[in-house]
Amino acid sequence: MSESSAGSSPVLLKVDHIAVAYGDLVAVSDVSLEVRRGELIALIGSNGAGKTTTLRAISGLLPLGAGRIELGGEAIHGLPPSKIVARGIAHVPEGRQLFPTLTVLENLELGATVSGHTRGNAETLDWVFRLFPRLRERHRQLAGTLSGGEQQMCAIGRALMARPTLLMLDEPSLGLAPVVVRSIFENLVEINRAGTTVLLVEQNVLRALGLCHRAYVIENGRIALEGPRDALAQNPHVKQAYLGM
């Protein structure tokens, strides 16, 4: 989807002035963002800026101290994570968090089971295997014995088995070789083109800006900048702070 057509689509996810704390430590103080249907949006920033906390709040893993989160115009903050998954949000966490003693296939099937979307399971599984042929080759292998790149593919595949409207990914490139990162990011473009809206948290700002339609820059728990990828790539602060230019 082009930037113009994505920009004219209805808002799918709306995060409105949320605040999130870990005890007395405020990790996110004021974050607002919108993701329209069909967009691939990047949330970029340095370590500790609040990127992961924002995704965890959207997923219902952390309670809000303030603000509101809507999916398709309906409030979802305060719902348990299982109900948020059932509403159409799938979250690929940092570190993958697969079940290492289960096979690749069992991990994938859990994605459909958790969401309750077991109808059409075979068709979705076939799509995941076409996206990631290595998973088909390794489907009987224990997930804990996969390489880092294969584990990331499995984690994304497990999320896709829930047939989400919105796929959220937290640092999918972390710890992976550049050639593997390139392949996975190409898969994300294909997933987005197939109709899944994507919210990507990524420290590799150059790659993220090359992938997304729009991006938000989070600094110290607040949104500092937002805009189309080309505008942000040319922004002097982004160039100096994140692109080393």
C-alpha atoms as a PDB file:
ATOM      1  CA  MET A   1       0.000   0.000   0.000  1.00  0.00           C
ATOM      2  CA  SER A   2       1.294   3.447  -0.844  1.00  0.00           C
ATOM      3  CA  GLU A   3       1.695   6.189   1.738  1.00  0.00           C
ATOM      4  CA  SER A   4      -1.188   8.154   0.258  1.00  0.00           C
ATOM      5  CA  SER A   5      -3.641   5.245   0.228  1.00  0.00           C
ATOM      6  CA  ALA A   6      -2.615   4.157   3.723  1.00  0.00           C
ATOM      7  CA  GLY A   7      -3.002   7.727   4.951  1.00  0.00           C
ATOM      8  CA  SER A   8      -6.605   7.878   3.747  1.00  0.00           C
ATOM      9  CA  SER A   9      -7.580   4.646   5.523  1.00  0.00           C
ATOM     10  CA  PRO A  10      -9.513   4.657   8.799  1.00  0.00           C
ATOM     11  CA  VAL A  11      -7.634   4.673  12.101  1.00  0.00           C
ATOM     12  CA  LEU A  12      -7.182   1.141  13.431  1.00  0.00           C
ATOM     13  CA  LEU A  13      -5.176   1.804  16.608  1.00  0.00           C
ATOM     14  CA  LYS A  14      -5.333   5.005  18.630  1.00  0.00           C
ATOM     15  CA  VAL A  15      -3.065   5.536  21.622  1.00  0.00           C
ATOM     16  CA  ASP A  16      -4.145   8.705  23.400  1.00  0.00           C
ATOM     17  CA  HIS A  17      -1.831  10.359  25.956  1.00  0.00           C
ATOM     18  CA  ILE A  18      -0.962   7.165  27.823  1.00  0.00           C
ATOM     19  CA  ALA A  19       1.257   7.003  30.889  1.00  0.00           C
ATOM     20  CA  VAL A  20       2.756   3.770  32.217  1.00  0.00           C
ATOM     21  CA  ALA A  21       4.865   3.174  35.318  1.00  0.00           C
ATOM     22  CA  TYR A  22       6.766   0.299  36.882  1.00  0.00           C
ATOM     23  CA  GLY A  23       6.065   1.018  40.529  1.00  0.00           C
ATOM     24  CA  ASP A  24       7.431   4.503  41.147  1.00  0.00           C
ATOM     25  CA  LEU A  25       9.397   4.541  37.901  1.00  0.00           C
ATOM     26  CA  VAL A  26       7.516   6.293  35.087  1.00  0.00           C
ATOM     27  CA  ALA A  27       8.557   4.610  31.829  1.00  0.00           C
ATOM     28  CA  VAL A  28       6.042   6.347  29.555  1.00  0.00           C
ATOM     29  CA  SER A  29       4.723   9.769  30.522  1.00  0.00           C
ATOM     30  CA  ASP A  30       2.815  10.975  27.437  1.00  0.00           C
ATOM     31  CA  VAL A  31       2.570   8.858  24.293  1.00  0.00           C
ATOM     32  CA  SER A  32      -0.008   9.417  21.573  1.00  0.00           C
ATOM     33  CA  LEU A  33       0.056   7.737  18.193  1.00  0.00           C
ATOM     34  CA  GLU A  34      -2.270   6.498  15.469  1.00  0.00           C
ATOM     35  CA  VAL A  35      -1.944   3.542  13.136  1.00  0.00           C
ATOM     36  CA  ARG A  36      -4.246   3.442  10.114  1.00  0.00           C
ATOM     37  CA  ARG A  37      -5.436   0.249   8.471  1.00  0.00           C
ATOM     38  CA  GLY A  38      -2.869  -1.029   6.010  1.00  0.00           C
ATOM     39  CA  GLU A  39       0.013   1.048   7.324  1.00  0.00           C
ATOM     40  CA  LEU A  40       3.431  -0.134   8.403  1.00  0.00           C
ATOM     41  CA  ILE A  41       4.406   2.222  11.234  1.00  0.00           C
ATOM     42  CA  ALA A  42       7.761   2.364  12.999  1.00  0.00           C
ATOM     43  CA  LEU A  43       8.262   3.459  16.605  1.00  0.00           C
ATOM     44  CA  ILE A  44      11.925   4.340  16.981  1.00  0.00           C
ATOM     45  CA  GLY A  45      14.106   5.574  19.794  1.00  0.00           C
ATOM     46  CA  SER A  46      17.063   4.704  21.974  1.00  0.00           C
ATOM     47  CA  ASN A  47      17.256   2.096  24.743  1.00  0.00           C
ATOM     48  CA  GLY A  48      15.003   2.975  27.664  1.00  0.00           C
ATOM     49  CA  ALA A  49      12.969   5.524  25.702  1.00  0.00           C
ATOM     50  CA  GLY A  50       9.677   3.669  26.292  1.00  0.00           C
ATOM     51  CA  LYS A  51       9.228   1.673  23.080  1.00  0.00           C
ATOM     52  CA  THR A  52       8.761  -1.764  24.655  1.00  0.00           C
ATOM     53  CA  THR A  53       6.618  -0.333  27.446  1.00  0.00           C
ATOM     54  CA  THR A  54       4.282   1.203  24.859  1.00  0.00           C
ATOM     55  CA  LEU A  55       3.809  -2.137  23.084  1.00  0.00           C
ATOM     56  CA  ARG A  56       3.266  -3.958  26.371  1.00  0.00           C
ATOM     57  CA  ALA A  57       0.620  -1.423  27.349  1.00  0.00           C
ATOM     58  CA  ILE A  58      -1.187  -1.855  24.034  1.00  0.00           C
ATOM     59  CA  SER A  59      -1.124  -5.633  24.537  1.00  0.00           C
ATOM     60  CA  GLY A  60      -2.621  -5.330  28.012  1.00  0.00           C
ATOM     61  CA  LEU A  61       0.516  -6.622  29.733  1.00  0.00           C
ATOM     62  CA  LEU A  62       0.931  -3.354  31.649  1.00  0.00           C
ATOM     63  CA  PRO A  63      -1.833  -1.199  33.152  1.00  0.00           C
ATOM     64  CA  LEU A  64      -2.222   2.433  32.188  1.00  0.00           C
ATOM     65  CA  GLY A  65      -1.668   5.157  34.703  1.00  0.00           C
ATOM     66  CA  ALA A  66      -3.442   7.590  32.394  1.00  0.00           C
ATOM     67  CA  GLY A  67      -4.784   7.825  28.857  1.00  0.00           C
ATOM     68  CA  ARG A  68      -6.764   5.613  26.531  1.00  0.00           C
ATOM     69  CA  ILE A  69      -6.129   2.943  23.892  1.00  0.00           C
ATOM     70  CA  GLU A  70      -8.664   2.162  21.175  1.00  0.00           C
ATOM     71  CA  LEU A  71      -8.781  -0.526  18.506  1.00  0.00           C
ATOM     72  CA  GLY A  72     -11.250   0.124  15.719  1.00  0.00           C
ATOM     73  CA  GLY A  73     -12.821   2.914  17.786  1.00  0.00           C
ATOM     74  CA  GLU A  74     -13.433   0.703  20.842  1.00  0.00           C
ATOM     75  CA  ALA A  75     -11.524   1.052  24.111  1.00  0.00           C
ATOM     76  CA  ILE A  76      -9.267  -1.929  24.872  1.00  0.00           C
ATOM     77  CA  HIS A  77      -7.226  -0.627  27.803  1.00  0.00           C
ATOM     78  CA  GLY A  78      -8.093  -2.581  30.922  1.00  0.00           C
ATOM     79  CA  LEU A  79      -8.901  -5.750  28.975  1.00  0.00           C
ATOM     80  CA  PRO A  80      -6.843  -8.880  29.741  1.00  0.00           C
ATOM     81  CA  PRO A  81      -4.177  -9.754  27.150  1.00  0.00           C
ATOM     82  CA  SER A  82      -6.135 -12.796  25.923  1.00  0.00           C
ATOM     83  CA  LYS A  83      -9.117 -10.629  24.988  1.00  0.00           C
ATOM     84  CA  ILE A  84      -6.871  -8.112  23.242  1.00  0.00           C
ATOM     85  CA  VAL A  85      -5.391 -10.951  21.170  1.00  0.00           C
ATOM     86  CA  ALA A  86      -8.920 -12.106  20.358  1.00  0.00           C
ATOM     87  CA  ARG A  87      -9.769  -8.543  19.232  1.00  0.00           C
ATOM     88  CA  GLY A  88      -7.017  -8.786  16.602  1.00  0.00           C
ATOM     89  CA  ILE A  89      -3.668  -7.650  18.075  1.00  0.00           C
ATOM     90  CA  ALA A  90      -0.706 -10.042  17.966  1.00  0.00           C
ATOM     91  CA  HIS A  91       2.535  -9.110  19.717  1.00  0.00           C
ATOM     92  CA  VAL A  92       5.951 -10.567  18.835  1.00  0.00           C
ATOM     93  CA  PRO A  93       7.977  -9.733  21.947  1.00  0.00           C
ATOM     94  CA  GLU A  94      11.643  -8.902  22.205  1.00  0.00           C
ATOM     95  CA  GLY A  95      13.581 -12.123  22.676  1.00  0.00           C
ATOM     96  CA  ARG A  96      10.973 -14.207  20.795  1.00  0.00           C
ATOM     97  CA  GLN A  97       9.738 -16.094  23.910  1.00  0.00           C
ATOM     98  CA  LEU A  98       9.031 -19.365  22.138  1.00  0.00           C
ATOM     99  CA  PHE A  99       8.340 -22.586  23.999  1.00  0.00           C
ATOM    100  CA  PRO A 100      11.763 -24.230  23.531  1.00  0.00           C
ATOM    101  CA  THR A 101      10.692 -27.800  24.355  1.00  0.00           C
ATOM    102  CA  LEU A 102       7.816 -27.740  21.852  1.00  0.00           C
ATOM    103  CA  THR A 103       8.278 -28.278  18.132  1.00  0.00           C
ATOM    104  CA  VAL A 104       8.066 -25.496  15.582  1.00  0.00           C
ATOM    105  CA  LEU A 105       4.639 -26.775  14.513  1.00  0.00           C
ATOM    106  CA  GLU A 106       3.377 -26.906  18.109  1.00  0.00           C
ATOM    107  CA  ASN A 107       4.540 -23.321  18.701  1.00  0.00           C
ATOM    108  CA  LEU A 108       2.741 -22.193  15.547  1.00  0.00           C
ATOM    109  CA  GLU A 109      -0.459 -24.018  16.455  1.00  0.00           C
ATOM    110  CA  LEU A 110      -0.454 -22.334  19.861  1.00  0.00           C
ATOM    111  CA  GLY A 111      -0.769 -18.990  18.115  1.00  0.00           C
ATOM    112  CA  ALA A 112      -4.119 -20.011  16.672  1.00  0.00           C
ATOM    113  CA  THR A 113      -5.265 -21.634  19.907  1.00  0.00           C
ATOM    114  CA  VAL A 114      -4.527 -18.611  22.097  1.00  0.00           C
ATOM    115  CA  SER A 115      -6.469 -16.299  19.808  1.00  0.00           C
ATOM    116  CA  GLY A 116      -9.363 -18.717  19.357  1.00  0.00           C
ATOM    117  CA  HIS A 117      -8.983 -18.490  15.561  1.00  0.00           C
ATOM    118  CA  THR A 118      -8.742 -22.201  14.850  1.00  0.00           C
ATOM    119  CA  ARG A 119     -10.987 -22.104  11.777  1.00  0.00           C
ATOM    120  CA  GLY A 120      -8.928 -21.685   8.637  1.00  0.00           C
ATOM    121  CA  ASN A 121      -5.900 -22.918  10.565  1.00  0.00           C
ATOM    122  CA  ALA A 122      -4.569 -25.047   7.699  1.00  0.00           C
ATOM    123  CA  GLU A 123      -4.717 -22.174   5.209  1.00  0.00           C
ATOM    124  CA  THR A 124      -2.966 -19.810   7.617  1.00  0.00           C
ATOM    125  CA  LEU A 125      -0.299 -22.395   8.373  1.00  0.00           C
ATOM    126  CA  ASP A 126       0.317 -22.887   4.653  1.00  0.00           C
ATOM    127  CA  TRP A 127       0.734 -19.103   4.255  1.00  0.00           C
ATOM    128  CA  VAL A 128       3.223 -19.002   7.148  1.00  0.00           C
ATOM    129  CA  PHE A 129       5.194 -21.849   5.583  1.00  0.00           C
ATOM    130  CA  ARG A 130       5.231 -20.039   2.233  1.00  0.00           C
ATOM    131  CA  LEU A 131       6.507 -16.883   3.949  1.00  0.00           C
ATOM    132  CA  PHE A 132       9.113 -18.837   5.898  1.00  0.00           C
ATOM    133  CA  PRO A 133      10.030 -22.035   4.015  1.00  0.00           C
ATOM    134  CA  ARG A 134      12.651 -22.815   6.652  1.00  0.00           C
ATOM    135  CA  LEU A 135       9.860 -23.376   9.175  1.00  0.00           C
ATOM    136  CA  ARG A 136       8.293 -26.026   6.949  1.00  0.00           C
ATOM    137  CA  GLU A 137      11.676 -27.761   6.757  1.00  0.00           C
ATOM    138  CA  ARG A 138      12.065 -27.540  10.550  1.00  0.00           C
ATOM    139  CA  HIS A 139       8.429 -28.105  11.585  1.00  0.00           C
ATOM    140  CA  ARG A 140       9.249 -31.219  13.669  1.00  0.00           C
ATOM    141  CA  GLN A 141      12.334 -29.653  15.268  1.00  0.00           C
ATOM    142  CA  LEU A 142      12.274 -28.346  18.841  1.00  0.00           C
ATOM    143  CA  ALA A 143      12.054 -24.558  18.817  1.00  0.00           C
ATOM    144  CA  GLY A 144      14.887 -24.270  21.325  1.00  0.00           C
ATOM    145  CA  THR A 145      17.316 -25.854  18.860  1.00  0.00           C
ATOM    146  CA  LEU A 146      16.664 -23.330  16.070  1.00  0.00           C
ATOM    147  CA  SER A 147      19.080 -20.572  15.123  1.00  0.00           C
ATOM    148  CA  GLY A 148      18.258 -17.033  16.237  1.00  0.00           C
ATOM    149  CA  GLY A 149      16.911 -16.107  12.824  1.00  0.00           C
ATOM    150  CA  GLU A 150      14.770 -19.239  12.635  1.00  0.00           C
ATOM    151  CA  GLN A 151      13.400 -18.529  16.108  1.00  0.00           C
ATOM    152  CA  GLN A 152      12.414 -15.017  14.995  1.00  0.00           C
ATOM    153  CA  MET A 153      10.658 -16.482  11.958  1.00  0.00           C
ATOM    154  CA  CYS A 154       8.829 -18.897  14.243  1.00  0.00           C
ATOM    155  CA  ALA A 155       7.794 -16.115  16.609  1.00  0.00           C
ATOM    156  CA  ILE A 156       6.407 -14.046  13.724  1.00  0.00           C
ATOM    157  CA  GLY A 157       4.715 -17.112  12.290  1.00  0.00           C
ATOM    158  CA  ARG A 158       3.115 -17.904  15.647  1.00  0.00           C
ATOM    159  CA  ALA A 159       1.701 -14.370  15.797  1.00  0.00           C
ATOM    160  CA  LEU A 160       0.365 -14.641  12.242  1.00  0.00           C
ATOM    161  CA  MET A 161      -1.445 -17.868  13.143  1.00  0.00           C
ATOM    162  CA  ALA A 162      -3.760 -15.668  15.233  1.00  0.00           C
ATOM    163  CA  ARG A 163      -4.724 -13.933  11.946  1.00  0.00           C
ATOM    164  CA  PRO A 164      -4.249 -10.494  13.498  1.00  0.00           C
ATOM    165  CA  THR A 165      -5.537  -7.207  12.184  1.00  0.00           C
ATOM    166  CA  LEU A 166      -2.521  -5.540  13.809  1.00  0.00           C
ATOM    167  CA  LEU A 167       0.885  -7.211  14.116  1.00  0.00           C
ATOM    168  CA  MET A 168       3.252  -5.593  16.628  1.00  0.00           C
ATOM    169  CA  LEU A 169       6.943  -6.497  16.665  1.00  0.00           C
ATOM    170  CA  ASP A 170       9.503  -5.551  19.291  1.00  0.00           C
ATOM    171  CA  GLU A 171      13.089  -5.372  18.006  1.00  0.00           C
ATOM    172  CA  PRO A 172      12.882  -8.209  15.453  1.00  0.00           C
ATOM    173  CA  SER A 173      16.436  -7.517  14.232  1.00  0.00           C
ATOM    174  CA  LEU A 174      18.042  -7.814  17.679  1.00  0.00           C
ATOM    175  CA  GLY A 175      21.079 -10.091  17.681  1.00  0.00           C
ATOM    176  CA  LEU A 176      20.628 -11.285  14.103  1.00  0.00           C
ATOM    177  CA  ALA A 177      23.092 -11.237  11.204  1.00  0.00           C
ATOM    178  CA  PRO A 178      22.470  -8.509   8.605  1.00  0.00           C
ATOM    179  CA  VAL A 179      21.524 -11.019   5.892  1.00  0.00           C
ATOM    180  CA  VAL A 180      18.892 -12.549   8.183  1.00  0.00           C
ATOM    181  CA  VAL A 181      17.564  -9.118   9.148  1.00  0.00           C
ATOM    182  CA  ARG A 182      17.203  -8.200   5.484  1.00  0.00           C
ATOM    183  CA  SER A 183      15.196 -11.349   4.828  1.00  0.00           C
ATOM    184  CA  ILE A 184      12.898 -10.853   7.817  1.00  0.00           C
ATOM    185  CA  PHE A 185      12.248  -7.213   6.923  1.00  0.00           C
ATOM    186  CA  GLU A 186      11.359  -8.271   3.378  1.00  0.00           C
ATOM    187  CA  ASN A 187       8.862 -10.691   4.938  1.00  0.00           C
ATOM    188  CA  LEU A 188       7.355  -7.836   6.969  1.00  0.00           C
ATOM    189  CA  VAL A 189       6.774  -5.845   3.786  1.00  0.00           C
ATOM    190  CA  GLU A 190       5.072  -8.875   2.238  1.00  0.00           C
ATOM    191  CA  ILE A 191       2.927  -9.397   5.354  1.00  0.00           C
ATOM    192  CA  ASN A 192       1.878  -5.745   5.230  1.00  0.00           C
ATOM    193  CA  ARG A 193       1.104  -5.882   1.513  1.00  0.00           C
ATOM    194  CA  ALA A 194      -1.074  -8.936   2.164  1.00  0.00           C
ATOM    195  CA  GLY A 195      -3.296  -6.756   4.353  1.00  0.00           C
ATOM    196  CA  THR A 196      -1.919  -6.941   7.885  1.00  0.00           C
ATOM    197  CA  THR A 197      -1.285  -3.602   9.589  1.00  0.00           C
ATOM    198  CA  VAL A 198       2.140  -3.504  11.272  1.00  0.00           C
ATOM    199  CA  LEU A 199       3.541  -1.544  14.220  1.00  0.00           C
ATOM    200  CA  LEU A 200       7.293  -2.058  14.403  1.00  0.00           C
ATOM    201  CA  VAL A 201       9.565  -1.141  17.306  1.00  0.00           C
ATOM    202  CA  GLU A 202      13.127  -1.055  16.077  1.00  0.00           C
ATOM    203  CA  GLN A 203      16.495   0.333  17.190  1.00  0.00           C
ATOM    204  CA  ASN A 204      17.905   0.035  13.681  1.00  0.00           C
ATOM    205  CA  VAL A 205      16.511   3.394  12.633  1.00  0.00           C
ATOM    206  CA  LEU A 206      17.916   3.350   9.101  1.00  0.00           C
ATOM    207  CA  ARG A 207      16.278  -0.003   8.316  1.00  0.00           C
ATOM    208  CA  ALA A 208      13.036   0.996  10.028  1.00  0.00           C
ATOM    209  CA  LEU A 209      12.754   4.224   8.038  1.00  0.00           C
ATOM    210  CA  GLY A 210      13.455   2.315   4.844  1.00  0.00           C
ATOM    211  CA  LEU A 211      10.545  -0.006   5.608  1.00  0.00           C
ATOM    212  CA  CYS A 212       7.721   2.054   7.082  1.00  0.00           C
ATOM    213  CA  HIS A 213       5.131   4.492   5.744  1.00  0.00           C
ATOM    214  CA  ARG A 214       5.366   6.780   8.783  1.00  0.00           C
ATOM    215  CA  ALA A 215       7.319   6.797  12.017  1.00  0.00           C
ATOM    216  CA  TYR A 216       7.167   8.125  15.550  1.00  0.00           C
ATOM    217  CA  VAL A 217      10.285   9.011  17.548  1.00  0.00           C
ATOM    218  CA  ILE A 218       9.983   8.397  21.276  1.00  0.00           C
ATOM    219  CA  GLU A 219      12.393  10.048  23.709  1.00  0.00           C
ATOM    220  CA  ASN A 220      12.222   9.917  27.505  1.00  0.00           C
ATOM    221  CA  GLY A 221       8.736   8.441  27.505  1.00  0.00           C
ATOM    222  CA  ARG A 222       7.230  11.025  25.140  1.00  0.00           C
ATOM    223  CA  ILE A 223       6.676  11.287  21.401  1.00  0.00           C
ATOM    224  CA  ALA A 224       9.255  13.802  20.239  1.00  0.00           C
ATOM    225  CA  LEU A 225       8.732  13.655  16.473  1.00  0.00           C
ATOM    226  CA  GLU A 226       6.397  12.057  13.953  1.00  0.00           C
ATOM    227  CA  GLY A 227       5.928  12.129  10.220  1.00  0.00           C
ATOM    228  CA  PRO A 228       6.423  10.361   6.882  1.00  0.00           C
ATOM    229  CA  ARG A 229       9.589   8.298   6.654  1.00  0.00           C
ATOM    230  CA  ASP A 230      11.311  10.560   4.125  1.00  0.00           C
ATOM    231  CA  ALA A 231      10.711  13.673   6.221  1.00  0.00           C
ATOM    232  CA  LEU A 232      12.072  12.029   9.361  1.00  0.00           C
ATOM    233  CA  ALA A 233      15.078  10.631   7.511  1.00  0.00           C
ATOM    234  CA  GLN A 234      15.963  14.220   6.557  1.00  0.00           C
ATOM    235  CA  ASN A 235      15.222  15.700   9.977  1.00  0.00           C
ATOM    236  CA  PRO A 236      18.460  17.160  11.434  1.00  0.00           C
ATOM    237  CA  HIS A 237      17.821  15.748  14.922  1.00  0.00           C
ATOM    238  CA  VAL A 238      17.083  12.257  13.604  1.00  0.00           C
ATOM    239  CA  LYS A 239      20.136  12.364  11.347  1.00  0.00           C
ATOM    240  CA  GLN A 240      22.415  13.398  14.195  1.00  0.00           C
ATOM    241  CA  ALA A 241      20.949  11.338  17.044  1.00  0.00           C
ATOM    242  CA  TYR A 242      19.992   8.118  15.246  1.00  0.00           C
ATOM    243  CA  LEU A 243      21.639   7.946  11.853  1.00  0.00           C
ATOM    244  CA  GLY A 244      25.118   9.174  12.796  1.00  0.00           C
ATOM    245  CA  MET A 245      25.116  11.890  10.142  1.00  0.00           C
END
